[in-house]
Every structure is written in C-alpha cells, then in structure tokens.
Amino acid sequence: MLHWIAVHSLAIAAALFFVLPFVFVLLTSLMTDRQALTRDLVPDTWVWENYAKVWHTPGFLTWWRNTLLYAGLGTLLTVASSIPVAYALAKFRFRGQRIALLLVIAMMMLPPQVVVIPMYLFWAKQLDLSGTLWPLIVPLAFGDAFSVFLLRQFLLTIPDEYLDAARVDGCGELRALLRVVLPMARPGIAAVALFSFFTLWNDYFGPQIYASDNPAAWTLSYGLESFKGAHHTDWNLTMAATVLVMAPVIVLFFFAQKAFVEGVTLTGVKG
C-alpha cells in the first residue's frame, strides 16, 4: 500500500488539487446562511433547500434555457461546418492547401478580443441584433479554427485506402464522407463536440458583449455574476448556484470521457 502511494503520490496530489475546491463549494452550498459565514468546513445541517431557492430565483430558468440553446445549437453548427473543411484539408490535394492550413492555424492564435469591435459594430449597428445571442451563434455556422484543426488531425489517421475503395465502388466525395469517414471519425467528432460545448457553456465574454443589456438573453455564466452581486452575503446560495452551473458539464464529461480521451489521444493534441 505504501509503495502504491509513493508511486502515485504526484497523481494523488494533482487529483486532490482539482477535487478539493469542488468539495468545498459543494459543502458550502449545503450550509445555512449563518454557518456559511464561519470557518466550518462541514455543514451542521444539510440544507438541500438552497438548490430549490436558487432554481426558483427569477430569471435562473431563463438563463438555463439560453445556455442550452447557445451551447447546444452552437456545438451542432460548429461540428457540422468544421467537418467538410477538415475533410478537404486532410484528404484532398489542391493548390494553396498549405496556405489554407496556415490560415487556420493563424486563426487559432488570434484572440477573439482583437476582432470584437468590428464584429460588434456589424452585428449591433448593421443588423441590430444587440441584446440577443444570435451574434454568437450564427458565426459558428462558418466553422471554428480549433475544431477544423482537431478534426483534420484525426482524419489524417484514417487510411486513404478506405476512401479509394469507396470511390471504386462508385461513391462520390460527399457519400464517402457520410458513409465511410464519419462512422470512423466518431471519437474525433465527439472530442470536438465536447470541447465546443464546454467552451460555449462557460463563455462569459461573448454574452457580456452582446446580451448584457437584455436580462432575457443572459446565459448562466453571465447571470451567475448578477446572482453573486445580489447575494454577496449568502455564500451558501452563491455556491449552490455555482454547483448548478457546473453540474451539467461534469455529468456530460463523466459519461463521454471515453470518447473524449480517445479522440484527443488519436489527434495528437496534448496539454
């Protein structure tokens, strides 16, 4: 036992480093108002009603629906628009292919804050969509640089012989993509979908820019900041709201971690 602990001490320390903050948040969310302001770590009384209070807070259910729309529809558009581009970069040979790949990599390095002003002027002033989430959702229909790159790396691992056999059997490129490539690329697609969903679910910057003046369009990440300001002394309620925001992401990763890890491993992406 001591040998096992010594061998895995670094992994145990890393696990505790990531788990203990969540345990602290969870325990604080189950305390009473008074105990949450003390140094106690374990609740004297387990107050599960805190979650009901948070759930029935005016606007919280709206924030939940908006976040599901933003993350769900945005993930669907990202995956659907990135697959054809990644397939072309991985399996086609054409003039300017390397330049196109370099442009994709360059877009990965470009912070979104760099283009926020022209994008805001376009969506808010030209199209008058300020106060909604559509300026954040619609651009995802045109692909995402990181998703394209990740999928391209995965598609490179699929042997070209499968595609050659499909073409010999009379399949066009679109049919070969749908019938041959996509079933074999499920782990990579799952990894891209999870990356996209997690990013959009936790996005604070985008909703702050476009939806801050319309509470009906707030997401959970932005609404949580408002909730924290309104309950700055009720740490138990603030922690309960935090748990409700984190729970879907944790549950989703728990059930999809096998496909996620396999997809990331086969693409060669680390860190």
C-alpha atoms as a PDB file:
ATOM      1  CA  MET A   1       0.000   0.000   0.000  1.00  0.00           C
ATOM      2  CA  LEU A   2       2.784   2.429   0.911  1.00  0.00           C
ATOM      3  CA  HIS A   3       4.599   1.534  -2.301  1.00  0.00           C
ATOM      4  CA  TRP A   4       1.449   2.259  -4.329  1.00  0.00           C
ATOM      5  CA  ILE A   5       1.028   5.625  -2.585  1.00  0.00           C
ATOM      6  CA  ALA A   6       4.682   6.510  -3.207  1.00  0.00           C
ATOM      7  CA  VAL A   7       4.426   5.621  -6.903  1.00  0.00           C
ATOM      8  CA  HIS A   8       1.165   7.517  -7.397  1.00  0.00           C
ATOM      9  CA  SER A   9       1.818  10.405  -4.985  1.00  0.00           C
ATOM     10  CA  LEU A  10       2.029  13.002  -7.754  1.00  0.00           C
ATOM     11  CA  ALA A  11      -1.237  11.816  -9.304  1.00  0.00           C
ATOM     12  CA  ILE A  12      -2.928  11.811  -5.885  1.00  0.00           C
ATOM     13  CA  ALA A  13      -1.698  15.353  -5.172  1.00  0.00           C
ATOM     14  CA  ALA A  14      -2.947  16.537  -8.566  1.00  0.00           C
ATOM     15  CA  ALA A  15      -6.333  14.853  -8.022  1.00  0.00           C
ATOM     16  CA  LEU A  16      -6.724  16.488  -4.616  1.00  0.00           C
ATOM     17  CA  PHE A  17      -5.702  19.843  -6.092  1.00  0.00           C
ATOM     18  CA  PHE A  18      -8.603  19.689  -8.554  1.00  0.00           C
ATOM     19  CA  VAL A  19     -11.207  17.894  -6.405  1.00  0.00           C
ATOM     20  CA  LEU A  20     -10.926  19.726  -3.084  1.00  0.00           C
ATOM     21  CA  PRO A  21     -12.167  23.129  -4.390  1.00  0.00           C
ATOM     22  CA  PHE A  22     -15.266  21.437  -5.797  1.00  0.00           C
ATOM     23  CA  VAL A  23     -15.831  19.616  -2.483  1.00  0.00           C
ATOM     24  CA  PHE A  24     -15.550  22.950  -0.661  1.00  0.00           C
ATOM     25  CA  VAL A  25     -18.112  24.540  -2.986  1.00  0.00           C
ATOM     26  CA  LEU A  26     -20.463  21.584  -2.584  1.00  0.00           C
ATOM     27  CA  LEU A  27     -20.268  21.546   1.216  1.00  0.00           C
ATOM     28  CA  THR A  28     -20.713  25.319   1.469  1.00  0.00           C
ATOM     29  CA  SER A  29     -23.780  25.139  -0.770  1.00  0.00           C
ATOM     30  CA  LEU A  30     -25.466  22.880   1.811  1.00  0.00           C
ATOM     31  CA  MET A  31     -24.876  25.157   4.818  1.00  0.00           C
ATOM     32  CA  THR A  32     -27.229  27.593   6.479  1.00  0.00           C
ATOM     33  CA  ASP A  33     -26.840  31.339   5.874  1.00  0.00           C
ATOM     34  CA  ARG A  34     -25.107  31.821   9.219  1.00  0.00           C
ATOM     35  CA  GLN A  35     -22.754  28.841   9.038  1.00  0.00           C
ATOM     36  CA  ALA A  36     -21.612  29.779   5.522  1.00  0.00           C
ATOM     37  CA  LEU A  37     -20.005  32.895   7.036  1.00  0.00           C
ATOM     38  CA  THR A  38     -17.971  30.853   9.531  1.00  0.00           C
ATOM     39  CA  ARG A  39     -14.817  28.777   9.128  1.00  0.00           C
ATOM     40  CA  ASP A  40     -16.709  25.493   9.329  1.00  0.00           C
ATOM     41  CA  LEU A  41     -15.990  23.042   6.539  1.00  0.00           C
ATOM     42  CA  VAL A  42     -18.800  20.535   7.134  1.00  0.00           C
ATOM     43  CA  PRO A  43     -22.468  21.585   7.405  1.00  0.00           C
ATOM     44  CA  ASP A  44     -24.135  21.128  10.781  1.00  0.00           C
ATOM     45  CA  THR A  45     -27.459  20.859   8.975  1.00  0.00           C
ATOM     46  CA  TRP A  46     -27.637  19.735   5.348  1.00  0.00           C
ATOM     47  CA  VAL A  47     -29.844  22.388   3.743  1.00  0.00           C
ATOM     48  CA  TRP A  48     -30.868  20.909   0.391  1.00  0.00           C
ATOM     49  CA  GLU A  49     -33.480  23.647   0.042  1.00  0.00           C
ATOM     50  CA  ASN A  50     -30.702  26.010  -1.069  1.00  0.00           C
ATOM     51  CA  TYR A  51     -30.826  24.440  -4.515  1.00  0.00           C
ATOM     52  CA  ALA A  52     -34.588  24.903  -4.723  1.00  0.00           C
ATOM     53  CA  LYS A  53     -34.200  28.566  -3.760  1.00  0.00           C
ATOM     54  CA  VAL A  54     -31.619  29.110  -6.476  1.00  0.00           C
ATOM     55  CA  TRP A  55     -33.632  27.211  -9.092  1.00  0.00           C
ATOM     56  CA  HIS A  56     -36.731  29.314  -8.412  1.00  0.00           C
ATOM     57  CA  THR A  57     -34.809  32.592  -8.441  1.00  0.00           C
ATOM     58  CA  PRO A  58     -36.430  34.881 -11.047  1.00  0.00           C
ATOM     59  CA  GLY A  59     -34.530  34.562 -14.289  1.00  0.00           C
ATOM     60  CA  PHE A  60     -32.476  31.466 -13.418  1.00  0.00           C
ATOM     61  CA  LEU A  61     -34.569  29.107 -15.553  1.00  0.00           C
ATOM     62  CA  THR A  62     -34.349  31.588 -18.426  1.00  0.00           C
ATOM     63  CA  TRP A  63     -30.572  31.679 -18.102  1.00  0.00           C
ATOM     64  CA  TRP A  64     -30.577  27.880 -18.172  1.00  0.00           C
ATOM     65  CA  ARG A  65     -32.634  27.714 -21.361  1.00  0.00           C
ATOM     66  CA  ASN A  66     -30.489  30.370 -23.041  1.00  0.00           C
ATOM     67  CA  THR A  67     -27.321  28.489 -22.165  1.00  0.00           C
ATOM     68  CA  LEU A  68     -28.713  25.214 -23.520  1.00  0.00           C
ATOM     69  CA  LEU A  69     -29.668  26.984 -26.755  1.00  0.00           C
ATOM     70  CA  TYR A  70     -26.316  28.705 -27.062  1.00  0.00           C
ATOM     71  CA  ALA A  71     -24.166  25.672 -26.209  1.00  0.00           C
ATOM     72  CA  GLY A  72     -26.332  23.047 -27.921  1.00  0.00           C
ATOM     73  CA  LEU A  73     -27.059  24.843 -31.192  1.00  0.00           C
ATOM     74  CA  GLY A  74     -23.577  26.366 -31.292  1.00  0.00           C
ATOM     75  CA  THR A  75     -21.963  22.933 -30.895  1.00  0.00           C
ATOM     76  CA  LEU A  76     -24.149  21.463 -33.628  1.00  0.00           C
ATOM     77  CA  LEU A  77     -23.266  24.278 -36.052  1.00  0.00           C
ATOM     78  CA  THR A  78     -19.566  24.097 -35.180  1.00  0.00           C
ATOM     79  CA  VAL A  79     -19.334  20.368 -35.825  1.00  0.00           C
ATOM     80  CA  ALA A  80     -21.457  20.452 -38.986  1.00  0.00           C
ATOM     81  CA  SER A  81     -19.464  23.297 -40.533  1.00  0.00           C
ATOM     82  CA  SER A  82     -15.999  22.113 -39.467  1.00  0.00           C
ATOM     83  CA  ILE A  83     -16.214  18.530 -40.762  1.00  0.00           C
ATOM     84  CA  PRO A  84     -16.231  19.359 -44.530  1.00  0.00           C
ATOM     85  CA  VAL A  85     -13.341  21.816 -44.152  1.00  0.00           C
ATOM     86  CA  ALA A  86     -11.276  19.362 -42.115  1.00  0.00           C
ATOM     87  CA  TYR A  87     -12.020  16.601 -44.622  1.00  0.00           C
ATOM     88  CA  ALA A  88     -10.837  18.753 -47.509  1.00  0.00           C
ATOM     89  CA  LEU A  89      -7.622  19.728 -45.711  1.00  0.00           C
ATOM     90  CA  ALA A  90      -6.888  16.147 -44.709  1.00  0.00           C
ATOM     91  CA  LYS A  91      -7.795  14.149 -47.814  1.00  0.00           C
ATOM     92  CA  PHE A  92      -7.678  16.495 -50.825  1.00  0.00           C
ATOM     93  CA  ARG A  93      -4.610  17.745 -52.668  1.00  0.00           C
ATOM     94  CA  PHE A  94      -5.065  21.191 -54.163  1.00  0.00           C
ATOM     95  CA  ARG A  95      -3.103  24.349 -54.869  1.00  0.00           C
ATOM     96  CA  GLY A  96      -2.856  26.528 -51.790  1.00  0.00           C
ATOM     97  CA  GLN A  97      -3.598  23.696 -49.367  1.00  0.00           C
ATOM     98  CA  ARG A  98      -0.657  24.514 -47.133  1.00  0.00           C
ATOM     99  CA  ILE A  99      -1.573  28.203 -47.120  1.00  0.00           C
ATOM    100  CA  ALA A 100      -5.149  27.323 -46.140  1.00  0.00           C
ATOM    101  CA  LEU A 101      -3.841  25.208 -43.255  1.00  0.00           C
ATOM    102  CA  LEU A 102      -1.551  28.022 -42.127  1.00  0.00           C
ATOM    103  CA  LEU A 103      -4.522  30.399 -42.155  1.00  0.00           C
ATOM    104  CA  VAL A 104      -6.472  28.006 -39.954  1.00  0.00           C
ATOM    105  CA  ILE A 105      -3.559  27.824 -37.505  1.00  0.00           C
ATOM    106  CA  ALA A 106      -3.206  31.613 -37.590  1.00  0.00           C
ATOM    107  CA  MET A 107      -6.891  31.993 -36.720  1.00  0.00           C
ATOM    108  CA  MET A 108      -6.330  29.735 -33.705  1.00  0.00           C
ATOM    109  CA  MET A 109      -3.722  32.191 -32.458  1.00  0.00           C
ATOM    110  CA  LEU A 110      -5.986  35.217 -32.926  1.00  0.00           C
ATOM    111  CA  PRO A 111      -7.691  36.220 -29.648  1.00  0.00           C
ATOM    112  CA  PRO A 112     -11.411  36.993 -30.019  1.00  0.00           C
ATOM    113  CA  GLN A 113     -10.855  40.330 -28.295  1.00  0.00           C
ATOM    114  CA  VAL A 114      -8.924  41.536 -31.354  1.00  0.00           C
ATOM    115  CA  VAL A 115     -11.990  41.456 -33.624  1.00  0.00           C
ATOM    116  CA  VAL A 116     -14.659  42.255 -31.036  1.00  0.00           C
ATOM    117  CA  ILE A 117     -15.077  45.905 -32.077  1.00  0.00           C
ATOM    118  CA  PRO A 118     -15.694  45.376 -35.830  1.00  0.00           C
ATOM    119  CA  MET A 119     -17.829  42.313 -35.066  1.00  0.00           C
ATOM    120  CA  TYR A 120     -19.915  44.271 -32.570  1.00  0.00           C
ATOM    121  CA  LEU A 121     -20.381  47.151 -34.990  1.00  0.00           C
ATOM    122  CA  PHE A 122     -21.538  44.716 -37.670  1.00  0.00           C
ATOM    123  CA  TRP A 123     -23.995  42.735 -35.531  1.00  0.00           C
ATOM    124  CA  ALA A 124     -25.221  45.543 -33.299  1.00  0.00           C
ATOM    125  CA  LYS A 125     -25.235  48.524 -35.660  1.00  0.00           C
ATOM    126  CA  GLN A 126     -25.746  46.997 -39.099  1.00  0.00           C
ATOM    127  CA  LEU A 127     -28.021  44.054 -38.252  1.00  0.00           C
ATOM    128  CA  ASP A 128     -29.456  45.413 -34.978  1.00  0.00           C
ATOM    129  CA  LEU A 129     -29.048  42.093 -33.127  1.00  0.00           C
ATOM    130  CA  SER A 130     -27.656  43.523 -29.907  1.00  0.00           C
ATOM    131  CA  GLY A 131     -29.370  42.093 -26.840  1.00  0.00           C
ATOM    132  CA  THR A 132     -29.597  38.581 -28.317  1.00  0.00           C
ATOM    133  CA  LEU A 133     -27.339  35.544 -28.545  1.00  0.00           C
ATOM    134  CA  TRP A 134     -27.559  35.288 -32.336  1.00  0.00           C
ATOM    135  CA  PRO A 135     -24.337  37.278 -32.928  1.00  0.00           C
ATOM    136  CA  LEU A 136     -22.597  34.486 -31.016  1.00  0.00           C
ATOM    137  CA  ILE A 137     -24.450  31.544 -32.594  1.00  0.00           C
ATOM    138  CA  VAL A 138     -24.607  32.474 -36.288  1.00  0.00           C
ATOM    139  CA  PRO A 139     -20.796  32.817 -36.847  1.00  0.00           C
ATOM    140  CA  LEU A 140     -20.366  29.234 -35.626  1.00  0.00           C
ATOM    141  CA  ALA A 141     -22.129  28.075 -38.803  1.00  0.00           C
ATOM    142  CA  PHE A 142     -18.981  29.103 -40.699  1.00  0.00           C
ATOM    143  CA  GLY A 143     -16.625  26.817 -38.799  1.00  0.00           C
ATOM    144  CA  ASP A 144     -14.174  27.122 -35.940  1.00  0.00           C
ATOM    145  CA  ALA A 145     -10.420  27.111 -36.456  1.00  0.00           C
ATOM    146  CA  PHE A 146      -9.587  24.883 -33.500  1.00  0.00           C
ATOM    147  CA  SER A 147     -12.332  22.387 -34.407  1.00  0.00           C
ATOM    148  CA  VAL A 148     -11.162  22.269 -38.021  1.00  0.00           C
ATOM    149  CA  PHE A 149      -7.569  21.661 -36.962  1.00  0.00           C
ATOM    150  CA  LEU A 150      -8.512  18.984 -34.416  1.00  0.00           C
ATOM    151  CA  LEU A 151     -10.725  17.133 -36.895  1.00  0.00           C
ATOM    152  CA  ARG A 152      -8.097  17.380 -39.618  1.00  0.00           C
ATOM    153  CA  GLN A 153      -5.527  15.776 -37.332  1.00  0.00           C
ATOM    154  CA  PHE A 154      -7.932  12.937 -36.605  1.00  0.00           C
ATOM    155  CA  LEU A 155      -8.912  12.399 -40.242  1.00  0.00           C
ATOM    156  CA  LEU A 156      -5.239  12.041 -41.153  1.00  0.00           C
ATOM    157  CA  THR A 157      -5.211   8.816 -39.108  1.00  0.00           C
ATOM    158  CA  ILE A 158      -7.891   7.262 -41.369  1.00  0.00           C
ATOM    159  CA  PRO A 159      -6.145   5.302 -44.159  1.00  0.00           C
ATOM    160  CA  ASP A 160      -6.753   6.593 -47.674  1.00  0.00           C
ATOM    161  CA  GLU A 161      -7.356   3.008 -48.823  1.00  0.00           C
ATOM    162  CA  TYR A 162     -10.857   3.103 -47.352  1.00  0.00           C
ATOM    163  CA  LEU A 163     -11.715   6.164 -49.415  1.00  0.00           C
ATOM    164  CA  ASP A 164     -10.134   4.687 -52.534  1.00  0.00           C
ATOM    165  CA  ALA A 165     -12.237   1.547 -52.128  1.00  0.00           C
ATOM    166  CA  ALA A 166     -15.380   3.654 -51.701  1.00  0.00           C
ATOM    167  CA  ARG A 167     -14.583   5.639 -54.845  1.00  0.00           C
ATOM    168  CA  VAL A 168     -14.024   2.429 -56.808  1.00  0.00           C
ATOM    169  CA  ASP A 169     -17.472   1.273 -55.669  1.00  0.00           C
ATOM    170  CA  GLY A 170     -18.962   4.430 -57.143  1.00  0.00           C
ATOM    171  CA  CYS A 171     -19.195   6.676 -54.089  1.00  0.00           C
ATOM    172  CA  GLY A 172     -18.820  10.390 -54.616  1.00  0.00           C
ATOM    173  CA  GLU A 173     -16.878  12.532 -52.172  1.00  0.00           C
ATOM    174  CA  LEU A 174     -19.965  13.534 -50.203  1.00  0.00           C
ATOM    175  CA  ARG A 175     -21.220   9.967 -49.931  1.00  0.00           C
ATOM    176  CA  ALA A 176     -17.744   8.740 -48.967  1.00  0.00           C
ATOM    177  CA  LEU A 177     -17.624  11.389 -46.258  1.00  0.00           C
ATOM    178  CA  LEU A 178     -21.034  10.424 -44.878  1.00  0.00           C
ATOM    179  CA  ARG A 179     -20.795   6.640 -45.239  1.00  0.00           C
ATOM    180  CA  VAL A 180     -17.097   5.936 -44.658  1.00  0.00           C
ATOM    181  CA  VAL A 181     -15.346   8.812 -42.914  1.00  0.00           C
ATOM    182  CA  LEU A 182     -17.931   9.933 -40.359  1.00  0.00           C
ATOM    183  CA  PRO A 183     -18.504   6.482 -38.778  1.00  0.00           C
ATOM    184  CA  MET A 184     -14.737   6.061 -38.393  1.00  0.00           C
ATOM    185  CA  ALA A 185     -14.292   9.599 -37.083  1.00  0.00           C
ATOM    186  CA  ARG A 186     -16.770   9.374 -34.208  1.00  0.00           C
ATOM    187  CA  PRO A 187     -14.138   9.722 -31.443  1.00  0.00           C
ATOM    188  CA  GLY A 188     -12.685  12.837 -33.067  1.00  0.00           C
ATOM    189  CA  ILE A 189     -16.131  14.324 -33.627  1.00  0.00           C
ATOM    190  CA  ALA A 190     -17.051  13.582 -30.004  1.00  0.00           C
ATOM    191  CA  ALA A 191     -13.898  15.334 -28.781  1.00  0.00           C
ATOM    192  CA  VAL A 192     -14.608  18.397 -30.926  1.00  0.00           C
ATOM    193  CA  ALA A 193     -18.249  18.483 -29.807  1.00  0.00           C
ATOM    194  CA  LEU A 194     -17.277  18.291 -26.144  1.00  0.00           C
ATOM    195  CA  PHE A 195     -14.604  20.961 -26.495  1.00  0.00           C
ATOM    196  CA  SER A 196     -17.115  23.224 -28.213  1.00  0.00           C
ATOM    197  CA  PHE A 197     -19.902  22.538 -25.721  1.00  0.00           C
ATOM    198  CA  PHE A 198     -17.681  23.182 -22.709  1.00  0.00           C
ATOM    199  CA  THR A 199     -16.349  26.406 -24.214  1.00  0.00           C
ATOM    200  CA  LEU A 200     -19.781  27.767 -25.083  1.00  0.00           C
ATOM    201  CA  TRP A 201     -21.358  26.670 -21.787  1.00  0.00           C
ATOM    202  CA  ASN A 202     -18.715  28.567 -19.818  1.00  0.00           C
ATOM    203  CA  ASP A 203     -18.489  31.555 -22.169  1.00  0.00           C
ATOM    204  CA  TYR A 204     -18.724  34.815 -20.264  1.00  0.00           C
ATOM    205  CA  PHE A 205     -17.068  37.270 -22.631  1.00  0.00           C
ATOM    206  CA  GLY A 206     -19.492  36.864 -25.549  1.00  0.00           C
ATOM    207  CA  PRO A 207     -22.770  37.207 -23.610  1.00  0.00           C
ATOM    208  CA  GLN A 208     -21.309  40.177 -21.748  1.00  0.00           C
ATOM    209  CA  ILE A 209     -20.652  41.972 -25.038  1.00  0.00           C
ATOM    210  CA  TYR A 210     -23.909  41.248 -26.856  1.00  0.00           C
ATOM    211  CA  ALA A 211     -26.557  40.350 -24.247  1.00  0.00           C
ATOM    212  CA  SER A 212     -25.676  42.408 -21.175  1.00  0.00           C
ATOM    213  CA  ASP A 213     -28.448  44.970 -21.787  1.00  0.00           C
ATOM    214  CA  ASN A 214     -31.178  42.303 -22.054  1.00  0.00           C
ATOM    215  CA  PRO A 215     -31.626  40.047 -18.976  1.00  0.00           C
ATOM    216  CA  ALA A 216     -33.926  37.786 -21.015  1.00  0.00           C
ATOM    217  CA  ALA A 217     -30.915  36.801 -23.140  1.00  0.00           C
ATOM    218  CA  TRP A 218     -28.420  36.195 -20.318  1.00  0.00           C
ATOM    219  CA  THR A 219     -26.649  32.862 -20.021  1.00  0.00           C
ATOM    220  CA  LEU A 220     -25.748  31.054 -16.806  1.00  0.00           C
ATOM    221  CA  SER A 221     -22.161  32.299 -16.799  1.00  0.00           C
ATOM    222  CA  TYR A 222     -23.232  35.936 -17.031  1.00  0.00           C
ATOM    223  CA  GLY A 223     -26.320  35.506 -14.865  1.00  0.00           C
ATOM    224  CA  LEU A 224     -24.211  33.921 -12.136  1.00  0.00           C
ATOM    225  CA  GLU A 225     -22.266  37.157 -11.814  1.00  0.00           C
ATOM    226  CA  SER A 226     -25.528  39.051 -11.321  1.00  0.00           C
ATOM    227  CA  PHE A 227     -26.720  36.432  -8.834  1.00  0.00           C
ATOM    228  CA  LYS A 228     -23.483  36.751  -6.893  1.00  0.00           C
ATOM    229  CA  GLY A 229     -23.888  40.521  -6.690  1.00  0.00           C
ATOM    230  CA  ALA A 230     -27.460  40.203  -5.402  1.00  0.00           C
ATOM    231  CA  HIS A 231     -26.496  37.548  -2.803  1.00  0.00           C
ATOM    232  CA  HIS A 232     -22.996  38.699  -1.894  1.00  0.00           C
ATOM    233  CA  THR A 233     -23.508  37.730   1.769  1.00  0.00           C
ATOM    234  CA  ASP A 234     -25.400  34.493   1.084  1.00  0.00           C
ATOM    235  CA  TRP A 235     -22.416  32.337   0.229  1.00  0.00           C
ATOM    236  CA  ASN A 236     -24.435  29.158   0.538  1.00  0.00           C
ATOM    237  CA  LEU A 237     -26.809  30.277  -2.215  1.00  0.00           C
ATOM    238  CA  THR A 238     -23.940  31.522  -4.374  1.00  0.00           C
ATOM    239  CA  MET A 239     -22.201  28.165  -4.068  1.00  0.00           C
ATOM    240  CA  ALA A 240     -25.452  26.329  -4.787  1.00  0.00           C
ATOM    241  CA  ALA A 241     -25.855  28.355  -7.982  1.00  0.00           C
ATOM    242  CA  THR A 242     -22.248  27.550  -8.892  1.00  0.00           C
ATOM    243  CA  VAL A 243     -22.900  23.819  -8.461  1.00  0.00           C
ATOM    244  CA  LEU A 244     -25.996  24.012 -10.671  1.00  0.00           C
ATOM    245  CA  VAL A 245     -23.948  25.746 -13.367  1.00  0.00           C
ATOM    246  CA  MET A 246     -21.117  23.191 -13.200  1.00  0.00           C
ATOM    247  CA  ALA A 247     -23.212  20.042 -12.813  1.00  0.00           C
ATOM    248  CA  PRO A 248     -24.285  19.530 -16.475  1.00  0.00           C
ATOM    249  CA  VAL A 249     -20.700  19.846 -17.725  1.00  0.00           C
ATOM    250  CA  ILE A 250     -19.397  17.406 -15.115  1.00  0.00           C
ATOM    251  CA  VAL A 251     -22.145  14.867 -15.829  1.00  0.00           C
ATOM    252  CA  LEU A 252     -21.633  15.156 -19.592  1.00  0.00           C
ATOM    253  CA  PHE A 253     -17.887  14.641 -19.303  1.00  0.00           C
ATOM    254  CA  PHE A 254     -18.392  11.685 -16.935  1.00  0.00           C
ATOM    255  CA  PHE A 255     -20.496   9.817 -19.495  1.00  0.00           C
ATOM    256  CA  ALA A 256     -18.483  10.874 -22.557  1.00  0.00           C
ATOM    257  CA  GLN A 257     -14.939  10.798 -21.174  1.00  0.00           C
ATOM    258  CA  LYS A 258     -14.001   7.578 -23.007  1.00  0.00           C
ATOM    259  CA  ALA A 259     -14.807   9.027 -26.428  1.00  0.00           C
ATOM    260  CA  PHE A 260     -13.274  12.358 -25.412  1.00  0.00           C
ATOM    261  CA  VAL A 261      -9.954  10.848 -24.294  1.00  0.00           C
ATOM    262  CA  GLU A 262      -9.798   8.557 -27.318  1.00  0.00           C
ATOM    263  CA  GLY A 263     -10.450  11.425 -29.714  1.00  0.00           C
ATOM    264  CA  VAL A 264      -7.867  13.711 -28.132  1.00  0.00           C
ATOM    265  CA  THR A 265      -5.293  10.911 -27.993  1.00  0.00           C
ATOM    266  CA  LEU A 266      -5.668   9.953 -31.654  1.00  0.00           C
ATOM    267  CA  THR A 267      -5.454  13.567 -32.816  1.00  0.00           C
ATOM    268  CA  GLY A 268      -2.144  14.012 -31.041  1.00  0.00           C
ATOM    269  CA  VAL A 269      -3.316  17.143 -29.193  1.00  0.00           C
ATOM    270  CA  LYS A 270      -1.777  17.494 -25.756  1.00  0.00           C
ATOM    271  CA  GLY A 271      -1.924  19.960 -22.892  1.00  0.00           C
END
